[in-house]
């Protein structure tokens, strides 16, 4: 399933792995849960309890890729790299 298909379905969770100061500087997506990459392992259960697809994003797609790798190693399914904040914002605006 593509990111666009998931977003159109309306059944997903957005997880922003940027630091809180980045949200203040660059903006944020209101519906997204902010879990900075450095907290991902500590908040693993919180993410695992979310039902449906989980789309990670950050500033460029690099940190969200690292979050994705971590959850793949934990055998979590329905996880996707949404890329950078501006990509995700653009995708949501064009639904």
Protein backbone atom coordinates (compact mmCIF):
# COMPACT_ATOMS: atom_id res chain seq x y z
CA UNK A 1 0.00 0.00 0.00
CA UNK A 2 1.32 3.46 -0.86
CA UNK A 3 1.41 6.40 1.56
CA UNK A 4 -1.24 8.16 -0.55
CA UNK A 5 -3.55 5.13 -0.38
CA UNK A 6 -3.12 4.92 3.38
CA UNK A 7 -3.82 8.64 3.83
CA UNK A 8 -6.93 8.39 1.66
CA UNK A 9 -8.20 5.47 3.75
CA UNK A 10 -8.25 7.69 6.84
CA UNK A 11 -7.15 4.74 8.98
CA UNK A 12 -3.59 5.58 10.07
CA UNK A 13 -1.40 7.15 12.73
CA UNK A 14 1.21 9.80 11.95
CA UNK A 15 4.31 9.75 14.14
CA UNK A 16 6.64 12.75 13.95
CA UNK A 17 10.11 11.77 15.16
CA UNK A 18 11.51 15.33 15.12
CA UNK A 19 12.59 17.13 18.30
CA UNK A 20 10.05 19.49 19.94
CA UNK A 21 12.14 22.55 19.03
CA UNK A 22 11.89 21.55 15.35
CA UNK A 23 8.10 21.54 15.60
CA UNK A 24 8.22 25.08 16.99
CA UNK A 25 10.60 26.26 14.24
CA UNK A 26 9.26 24.41 11.21
CA UNK A 27 5.63 23.76 12.10
CA UNK A 28 3.74 20.61 12.93
CA UNK A 29 0.94 18.43 11.68
CA UNK A 30 -1.83 18.65 14.25
CA UNK A 31 -2.91 15.02 14.00
CA UNK A 32 0.64 13.68 14.42
CA UNK A 33 1.96 12.13 17.61
CA UNK A 34 5.39 13.56 18.45
CA UNK A 35 7.86 10.92 19.60
CA UNK A 36 11.43 12.18 19.10
CA UNK A 37 13.72 9.51 17.65
CA UNK A 38 15.72 9.39 20.89
CA UNK A 39 12.56 8.31 22.76
CA UNK A 40 11.41 5.66 20.27
CA UNK A 41 12.79 2.66 22.19
CA UNK A 42 11.39 3.92 25.52
CA UNK A 43 7.97 4.54 23.98
CA UNK A 44 7.89 1.34 21.93
CA UNK A 45 4.75 -0.01 23.64
CA UNK A 46 2.89 3.22 22.95
CA UNK A 47 3.53 2.80 19.22
CA UNK A 48 2.80 -0.94 19.27
CA UNK A 49 -0.63 -0.29 20.80
CA UNK A 50 -1.70 1.93 17.90
CA UNK A 51 -3.96 0.01 15.53
CA UNK A 52 -3.64 0.27 11.79
CA UNK A 53 -0.84 1.69 9.66
CA UNK A 54 1.79 3.88 11.30
CA UNK A 55 3.54 6.50 9.17
CA UNK A 56 6.78 7.95 10.54
CA UNK A 57 8.18 11.25 9.31
CA UNK A 58 10.85 13.77 10.31
CA UNK A 59 12.59 16.71 8.64
CA UNK A 60 14.15 14.81 5.72
CA UNK A 61 13.14 11.15 6.00
CA UNK A 62 16.42 9.97 7.55
CA UNK A 63 15.33 9.73 11.19
CA UNK A 64 11.94 8.32 10.23
CA UNK A 65 13.89 5.64 8.32
CA UNK A 66 15.80 4.82 11.50
CA UNK A 67 12.55 4.58 13.46
CA UNK A 68 11.19 2.26 10.76
CA UNK A 69 14.30 0.05 10.97
CA UNK A 70 13.90 -0.20 14.74
CA UNK A 71 10.26 -1.26 14.53
CA UNK A 72 10.99 -3.71 11.71
CA UNK A 73 13.55 -5.32 14.04
CA UNK A 74 10.73 -5.60 16.60
CA UNK A 75 8.51 -7.33 14.00
CA UNK A 76 5.96 -4.51 13.95
CA UNK A 77 3.85 -4.55 10.81
CA UNK A 78 2.04 -1.83 8.89
CA UNK A 79 4.84 0.72 9.31
CA UNK A 80 5.85 3.23 6.66
CA UNK A 81 8.38 6.00 6.10
CA UNK A 82 6.46 9.12 5.14
CA UNK A 83 9.68 11.03 4.47
CA UNK A 84 10.11 14.66 5.43
CA UNK A 85 7.69 17.03 7.12
CA UNK A 86 7.12 19.09 3.98
CA UNK A 87 6.43 15.91 1.95
CA UNK A 88 3.90 14.70 4.51
CA UNK A 89 2.24 18.09 4.78
CA UNK A 90 1.98 18.32 0.99
CA UNK A 91 0.51 14.79 0.76
CA UNK A 92 -2.14 15.60 3.37
CA UNK A 93 -3.05 18.89 1.67
CA UNK A 94 -3.59 17.09 -1.63
CA UNK A 95 -6.01 14.43 -0.43
